[in-house]
């Protein structure tokens, strides 16, 4: 008799399931948040640099007009980023493998 045993071949692992819609929504929201943050930061920099240039040229009225023209875009971008940040704060931690107060069962 042989002392070796035939071990069963392991079952092939199934292909990973496609990302759920919730994860895709979180990724899209995160991307839009990043775009909004970059937009409002660039708009803010444009306001400051434009005012520096117009004040250096000696035209205070143009500096005010420059800020008045760009401010709605900067504040709009900041508002969108804030709302998206608020929405992202409510996403479930399971989308990224985190646990927010949910305990896993013991596996002893």
Protein backbone atom coordinates (compact mmCIF):
# COMPACT_ATOMS: atom_id res chain seq x y z
CA UNK A 1 0.00 0.00 0.00
CA UNK A 2 1.04 3.51 -0.69
CA UNK A 3 1.32 6.00 2.11
CA UNK A 4 0.54 8.97 -0.09
CA UNK A 5 -2.96 10.30 -0.33
CA UNK A 6 -4.43 12.02 -3.30
CA UNK A 7 -5.45 15.49 -2.32
CA UNK A 8 -8.31 17.09 -4.19
CA UNK A 9 -7.39 19.83 -6.62
CA UNK A 10 -8.37 23.25 -5.40
CA UNK A 11 -11.41 24.80 -7.01
CA UNK A 12 -10.64 27.68 -9.35
CA UNK A 13 -11.23 31.05 -7.79
CA UNK A 14 -14.17 32.93 -9.26
CA UNK A 15 -13.58 36.16 -11.12
CA UNK A 16 -14.06 39.25 -8.98
CA UNK A 17 -17.51 40.75 -9.15
CA UNK A 18 -17.82 44.12 -10.87
CA UNK A 19 -17.68 47.13 -8.56
CA UNK A 20 -21.07 47.89 -7.07
CA UNK A 21 -22.89 51.04 -8.08
CA UNK A 22 -22.30 52.55 -4.65
CA UNK A 23 -18.52 52.34 -5.07
CA UNK A 24 -18.72 53.87 -8.55
CA UNK A 25 -20.83 56.70 -7.17
CA UNK A 26 -18.31 57.31 -4.39
CA UNK A 27 -15.43 57.37 -6.88
CA UNK A 28 -17.32 59.77 -9.17
CA UNK A 29 -18.21 62.04 -6.24
CA UNK A 30 -14.61 62.01 -5.04
CA UNK A 31 -13.39 62.91 -8.53
CA UNK A 32 -15.90 65.76 -8.82
CA UNK A 33 -14.86 66.98 -5.36
CA UNK A 34 -11.21 67.09 -6.45
CA UNK A 35 -12.12 68.97 -9.64
CA UNK A 36 -14.19 71.51 -7.65
CA UNK A 37 -11.36 72.06 -5.16
CA UNK A 38 -8.80 72.63 -7.93
CA UNK A 39 -11.25 74.95 -9.72
CA UNK A 40 -11.92 77.16 -6.74
CA UNK A 41 -8.24 77.27 -5.78
CA UNK A 42 -7.29 78.34 -9.30
CA UNK A 43 -10.08 80.93 -9.32
CA UNK A 44 -8.84 82.29 -5.98
CA UNK A 45 -5.28 82.49 -7.27
CA UNK A 46 -6.54 84.26 -10.40
CA UNK A 47 -8.36 86.81 -8.23
CA UNK A 48 -5.30 87.53 -6.12
CA UNK A 49 -2.84 87.67 -9.02
CA UNK A 50 -5.22 89.82 -11.08
CA UNK A 51 -5.62 92.25 -8.23
CA UNK A 52 -1.85 92.39 -7.71
CA UNK A 53 -1.31 93.20 -11.38
CA UNK A 54 -4.04 95.83 -11.57
CA UNK A 55 -2.96 97.47 -8.31
CA UNK A 56 0.65 97.52 -9.51
CA UNK A 57 -0.63 99.27 -12.62
CA UNK A 58 -2.29 101.82 -10.33
CA UNK A 59 -5.93 101.07 -11.15
CA UNK A 60 -7.89 100.30 -7.98
CA UNK A 61 -11.22 100.29 -9.82
CA UNK A 62 -9.96 97.57 -12.18
CA UNK A 63 -8.80 95.51 -9.19
CA UNK A 64 -12.30 95.70 -7.70
CA UNK A 65 -13.88 94.87 -11.04
CA UNK A 66 -11.51 91.92 -11.48
CA UNK A 67 -12.45 90.48 -8.08
CA UNK A 68 -16.15 91.18 -8.65
CA UNK A 69 -16.04 89.35 -11.98
CA UNK A 70 -14.24 86.23 -10.73
CA UNK A 71 -15.65 85.95 -7.19
CA UNK A 72 -18.87 84.11 -8.17
CA UNK A 73 -16.82 81.39 -9.86
CA UNK A 74 -14.46 80.98 -6.92
CA UNK A 75 -17.26 80.93 -4.36
CA UNK A 76 -19.38 78.67 -6.57
CA UNK A 77 -16.53 76.18 -6.83
CA UNK A 78 -16.00 76.33 -3.07
CA UNK A 79 -19.73 75.75 -2.50
CA UNK A 80 -19.79 72.72 -4.79
CA UNK A 81 -16.68 71.30 -3.10
CA UNK A 82 -18.26 71.82 0.32
CA UNK A 83 -21.50 70.09 -0.66
CA UNK A 84 -19.64 67.16 -2.21
CA UNK A 85 -17.47 66.90 0.90
CA UNK A 86 -20.61 66.79 3.03
CA UNK A 87 -22.10 64.08 0.81
CA UNK A 88 -18.88 62.06 0.96
CA UNK A 89 -18.89 62.19 4.75
CA UNK A 90 -22.01 60.02 4.70
CA UNK A 91 -20.61 57.24 2.51
CA UNK A 92 -20.31 53.88 4.14
CA UNK A 93 -16.84 52.89 5.29
CA UNK A 94 -17.20 49.49 3.63
CA UNK A 95 -16.51 51.05 0.24
CA UNK A 96 -12.84 51.28 1.18
CA UNK A 97 -12.59 48.39 3.61
CA UNK A 98 -13.05 50.61 6.64
CA UNK A 99 -15.29 49.91 9.55
CA UNK A 100 -17.34 52.71 11.10
CA UNK A 101 -18.70 51.27 14.31
CA UNK A 102 -19.59 47.94 12.77
CA UNK A 103 -17.90 45.00 14.37
CA UNK A 104 -17.06 41.83 12.55
CA UNK A 105 -18.09 38.54 14.12
CA UNK A 106 -15.37 36.59 15.90
CA UNK A 107 -13.84 33.83 13.81
CA UNK A 108 -12.27 31.50 16.35
